[in-house]
Amino acid sequence: MSETQTTAPVKNTRTLIGRIVSDKRAKTVTVLVERRAAHELYGKIVARSRKYHAHDENGDYKLGDLVEIAEGRPISKTKSWVVTRLIEKAKLV
């Protein structure tokens, strides 16, 4: 018998790349996402940043790691993002 592999259609979920700034909570990391945008009046490029709480089930990711997060279902009051992959490990100081 031949088995056909069916895969669910890929959803268009938002993904962001940021650096972990806190890993103190259980199964949660805080990710700082920076983006560059032009100032509305002066046109100068300025850095805008925002922090997101992301779910880390196994506690694999540590402070300073560069990770990709994807939007998902609400997990708690402030947590609707999930860490999907590690892009760069934190550098040792």
N, C-alpha and C. Protein backbone atom coordinates (compact mmCIF):
# COMPACT_ATOMS: atom_id res chain seq x y z
N MET A 1 0.82 -1.17 0.00
CA MET A 1 0.00 0.00 0.00
C MET A 1 0.87 1.25 0.00
N SER A 2 0.56 2.15 -0.85
CA SER A 2 1.33 3.39 -0.86
C SER A 2 0.64 4.43 0.02
N GLU A 3 1.46 5.08 0.80
CA GLU A 3 0.93 6.10 1.68
C GLU A 3 1.21 7.47 1.09
N THR A 4 0.19 8.28 1.07
CA THR A 4 0.39 9.64 0.61
C THR A 4 0.49 10.56 1.81
N GLN A 5 1.42 11.43 1.73
CA GLN A 5 1.67 12.33 2.85
C GLN A 5 0.89 13.62 2.62
N THR A 6 -0.03 13.91 3.53
CA THR A 6 -0.79 15.14 3.41
C THR A 6 -0.27 16.14 4.42
N THR A 7 -0.05 17.34 3.98
CA THR A 7 0.41 18.38 4.88
C THR A 7 -0.63 19.48 4.91
N ALA A 8 -0.73 20.09 6.07
CA ALA A 8 -1.67 21.19 6.22
C ALA A 8 -1.16 22.40 5.43
N PRO A 9 -2.07 23.20 4.91
CA PRO A 9 -1.61 24.38 4.18
C PRO A 9 -0.87 25.34 5.10
N VAL A 10 0.16 25.97 4.56
CA VAL A 10 0.99 26.88 5.35
C VAL A 10 0.20 28.17 5.59
N LYS A 11 0.11 28.56 6.85
CA LYS A 11 -0.59 29.79 7.17
C LYS A 11 0.36 30.97 6.98
N ASN A 12 -0.22 32.10 6.69
CA ASN A 12 0.57 33.32 6.57
C ASN A 12 0.64 33.98 7.94
N THR A 13 1.57 33.51 8.76
CA THR A 13 1.73 34.08 10.09
C THR A 13 2.86 35.10 10.07
N ARG A 14 2.73 36.11 10.92
CA ARG A 14 3.77 37.12 11.01
C ARG A 14 4.98 36.53 11.73
N THR A 15 6.16 36.82 11.22
CA THR A 15 7.39 36.41 11.89
C THR A 15 8.27 37.64 12.07
N LEU A 16 8.96 37.68 13.20
CA LEU A 16 9.86 38.78 13.52
C LEU A 16 11.19 38.21 14.00
N ILE A 17 12.24 38.99 13.87
CA ILE A 17 13.56 38.58 14.34
C ILE A 17 14.01 39.57 15.40
N GLY A 18 14.44 39.05 16.55
CA GLY A 18 14.87 39.93 17.63
C GLY A 18 15.82 39.23 18.58
N ARG A 19 16.31 39.99 19.55
CA ARG A 19 17.27 39.49 20.53
C ARG A 19 16.60 39.29 21.88
N ILE A 20 16.93 38.20 22.55
CA ILE A 20 16.35 37.91 23.86
C ILE A 20 17.00 38.81 24.90
N VAL A 21 16.16 39.56 25.63
CA VAL A 21 16.67 40.47 26.65
C VAL A 21 16.34 39.97 28.06
N SER A 22 15.46 38.96 28.18
CA SER A 22 15.16 38.38 29.48
C SER A 22 14.71 36.94 29.31
N ASP A 23 15.24 36.06 30.17
CA ASP A 23 14.83 34.64 30.16
C ASP A 23 14.54 34.17 31.57
N LYS A 24 14.11 35.08 32.44
CA LYS A 24 13.94 34.76 33.85
C LYS A 24 12.66 34.00 34.16
N ARG A 25 11.64 34.10 33.33
CA ARG A 25 10.38 33.43 33.61
C ARG A 25 10.35 32.03 33.02
N ALA A 26 9.56 31.17 33.64
CA ALA A 26 9.45 29.80 33.17
C ALA A 26 8.70 29.77 31.84
N LYS A 27 9.28 29.12 30.85
CA LYS A 27 8.70 28.92 29.52
C LYS A 27 8.40 30.20 28.77
N THR A 28 9.01 31.31 29.18
CA THR A 28 8.78 32.59 28.51
C THR A 28 10.09 33.34 28.36
N VAL A 29 10.28 33.94 27.19
CA VAL A 29 11.41 34.83 26.98
C VAL A 29 10.88 36.17 26.48
N THR A 30 11.62 37.23 26.77
CA THR A 30 11.26 38.56 26.28
C THR A 30 12.20 38.88 25.13
N VAL A 31 11.61 39.20 23.97
CA VAL A 31 12.37 39.43 22.76
C VAL A 31 12.24 40.89 22.35
N LEU A 32 13.38 41.56 22.16
CA LEU A 32 13.41 42.95 21.72
C LEU A 32 13.57 42.97 20.20
N VAL A 33 12.57 43.53 19.52
CA VAL A 33 12.60 43.61 18.06
C VAL A 33 12.82 45.07 17.68
N GLU A 34 13.89 45.33 16.94
CA GLU A 34 14.19 46.68 16.49
C GLU A 34 13.93 46.80 15.00
N ARG A 35 13.38 47.95 14.62
CA ARG A 35 13.19 48.22 13.20
C ARG A 35 13.60 49.67 12.95
N ARG A 36 13.93 49.96 11.73
CA ARG A 36 14.34 51.32 11.37
C ARG A 36 13.26 51.92 10.48
N ALA A 37 12.85 53.14 10.82
CA ALA A 37 11.80 53.81 10.06
C ALA A 37 12.16 55.28 9.92
N ALA A 38 11.62 55.89 8.89
CA ALA A 38 11.86 57.31 8.67
C ALA A 38 10.98 58.12 9.61
N HIS A 39 11.54 59.18 10.18
CA HIS A 39 10.78 60.09 11.04
C HIS A 39 9.71 60.77 10.19
N GLU A 40 8.52 60.96 10.78
CA GLU A 40 7.39 61.46 10.01
C GLU A 40 7.63 62.86 9.45
N LEU A 41 8.24 63.74 10.25
CA LEU A 41 8.42 65.12 9.85
C LEU A 41 9.77 65.38 9.19
N TYR A 42 10.84 64.86 9.80
CA TYR A 42 12.19 65.20 9.36
C TYR A 42 12.79 64.21 8.37
N GLY A 43 12.25 63.03 8.28
CA GLY A 43 12.74 62.06 7.31
C GLY A 43 13.99 61.31 7.73
N LYS A 44 14.54 61.64 8.90
CA LYS A 44 15.73 60.93 9.38
C LYS A 44 15.36 59.50 9.76
N ILE A 45 16.27 58.58 9.50
CA ILE A 45 16.05 57.19 9.87
C ILE A 45 16.30 57.03 11.37
N VAL A 46 15.29 56.59 12.09
CA VAL A 46 15.41 56.39 13.53
C VAL A 46 15.06 54.95 13.88
N ALA A 47 15.64 54.47 14.98
CA ALA A 47 15.40 53.09 15.42
C ALA A 47 14.17 53.05 16.30
N ARG A 48 13.24 52.17 16.00
CA ARG A 48 12.06 51.94 16.81
C ARG A 48 12.17 50.52 17.36
N SER A 49 11.76 50.34 18.60
CA SER A 49 11.87 49.00 19.18
C SER A 49 10.61 48.66 19.96
N ARG A 50 10.39 47.36 20.12
CA ARG A 50 9.26 46.87 20.89
C ARG A 50 9.63 45.51 21.46
N LYS A 51 9.11 45.24 22.67
CA LYS A 51 9.37 43.96 23.32
C LYS A 51 8.15 43.05 23.18
N TYR A 52 8.40 41.79 22.91
CA TYR A 52 7.35 40.79 22.80
C TYR A 52 7.66 39.66 23.77
N HIS A 53 6.63 39.11 24.40
CA HIS A 53 6.78 37.93 25.24
C HIS A 53 6.51 36.72 24.35
N ALA A 54 7.47 35.79 24.32
CA ALA A 54 7.35 34.63 23.44
C ALA A 54 7.47 33.34 24.24
N HIS A 55 6.76 32.32 23.78
CA HIS A 55 6.72 31.04 24.47
C HIS A 55 7.95 30.21 24.10
N ASP A 56 8.62 29.68 25.12
CA ASP A 56 9.81 28.83 24.96
C ASP A 56 9.57 27.59 25.83
N GLU A 57 8.99 26.57 25.24
CA GLU A 57 8.51 25.40 26.00
C GLU A 57 9.61 24.71 26.80
N ASN A 58 10.78 24.49 26.20
CA ASN A 58 11.82 23.70 26.85
C ASN A 58 12.90 24.54 27.52
N GLY A 59 12.84 25.85 27.40
CA GLY A 59 13.87 26.70 27.98
C GLY A 59 15.19 26.61 27.23
N ASP A 60 15.13 26.42 25.91
CA ASP A 60 16.33 26.24 25.11
C ASP A 60 17.08 27.53 24.85
N TYR A 61 16.39 28.66 24.84
CA TYR A 61 16.98 29.92 24.40
C TYR A 61 17.39 30.75 25.61
N LYS A 62 18.56 31.39 25.48
CA LYS A 62 19.14 32.12 26.60
C LYS A 62 19.31 33.60 26.27
N LEU A 63 19.69 34.37 27.27
CA LEU A 63 19.89 35.80 27.15
C LEU A 63 20.90 36.13 26.06
N GLY A 64 20.55 37.03 25.16
CA GLY A 64 21.46 37.46 24.10
C GLY A 64 21.32 36.71 22.79
N ASP A 65 20.55 35.63 22.76
CA ASP A 65 20.37 34.87 21.52
C ASP A 65 19.52 35.66 20.53
N LEU A 66 19.84 35.54 19.24
CA LEU A 66 19.04 36.13 18.18
C LEU A 66 18.08 35.04 17.70
N VAL A 67 16.77 35.29 17.80
CA VAL A 67 15.77 34.27 17.49
C VAL A 67 14.71 34.82 16.55
N GLU A 68 13.98 33.89 15.96
CA GLU A 68 12.82 34.23 15.15
C GLU A 68 11.58 33.85 15.94
N ILE A 69 10.60 34.76 15.99
CA ILE A 69 9.35 34.47 16.69
C ILE A 69 8.21 34.55 15.68
N ALA A 70 7.19 33.73 15.91
CA ALA A 70 6.03 33.70 15.03
C ALA A 70 4.77 33.91 15.86
N GLU A 71 3.82 34.61 15.27
CA GLU A 71 2.56 34.87 15.95
C GLU A 71 1.73 33.60 15.99
N GLY A 72 1.05 33.38 17.12
CA GLY A 72 0.22 32.20 17.27
C GLY A 72 -1.00 32.51 18.09
N ARG A 73 -1.59 31.48 18.63
CA ARG A 73 -2.78 31.68 19.46
C ARG A 73 -2.37 32.31 20.79
N PRO A 74 -3.28 33.01 21.47
CA PRO A 74 -2.96 33.57 22.78
C PRO A 74 -2.67 32.46 23.79
N ILE A 75 -1.51 32.54 24.43
CA ILE A 75 -1.10 31.54 25.42
C ILE A 75 -1.39 32.06 26.82
N SER A 76 -1.23 33.36 27.01
CA SER A 76 -1.57 33.99 28.28
C SER A 76 -2.01 35.42 27.99
N LYS A 77 -2.15 36.21 29.03
CA LYS A 77 -2.61 37.59 28.85
C LYS A 77 -1.67 38.41 27.96
N THR A 78 -0.37 38.21 28.11
CA THR A 78 0.60 39.01 27.36
C THR A 78 1.38 38.21 26.32
N LYS A 79 1.10 36.93 26.19
CA LYS A 79 1.95 36.08 25.34
C LYS A 79 1.16 35.48 24.19
N SER A 80 1.46 35.93 22.96
CA SER A 80 0.83 35.39 21.76
C SER A 80 1.86 35.05 20.69
N TRP A 81 3.11 34.95 21.07
CA TRP A 81 4.19 34.66 20.13
C TRP A 81 4.92 33.40 20.59
N VAL A 82 5.50 32.68 19.64
CA VAL A 82 6.23 31.44 19.92
C VAL A 82 7.59 31.54 19.25
N VAL A 83 8.64 31.15 19.97
CA VAL A 83 9.98 31.13 19.38
C VAL A 83 10.04 29.95 18.41
N THR A 84 10.38 30.23 17.15
CA THR A 84 10.39 29.17 16.15
C THR A 84 11.79 28.62 15.86
N ARG A 85 12.80 29.50 15.87
CA ARG A 85 14.15 28.99 15.58
C ARG A 85 15.21 29.93 16.12
N LEU A 86 16.37 29.36 16.32
CA LEU A 86 17.54 30.10 16.77
C LEU A 86 18.33 30.54 15.54
N ILE A 87 18.62 31.84 15.46
CA ILE A 87 19.38 32.34 14.32
C ILE A 87 20.85 32.45 14.68
N GLU A 88 21.14 33.01 15.85
CA GLU A 88 22.52 33.18 16.27
C GLU A 88 22.61 33.02 17.78
N LYS A 89 23.55 32.21 18.21
CA LYS A 89 23.79 32.02 19.64
C LYS A 89 24.45 33.26 20.22
N ALA A 90 24.22 33.52 21.51
CA ALA A 90 24.80 34.69 22.17
C ALA A 90 26.32 34.54 22.21
N LYS A 91 27.00 35.64 22.02
CA LYS A 91 28.46 35.64 22.07
C LYS A 91 28.91 35.67 23.53
N LEU A 92 29.95 34.95 23.84
CA LEU A 92 30.50 34.95 25.20
C LEU A 92 31.27 36.23 25.43
N VAL A 93 31.06 36.80 26.61
CA VAL A 93 31.73 38.05 26.94
C VAL A 93 32.96 37.77 27.78
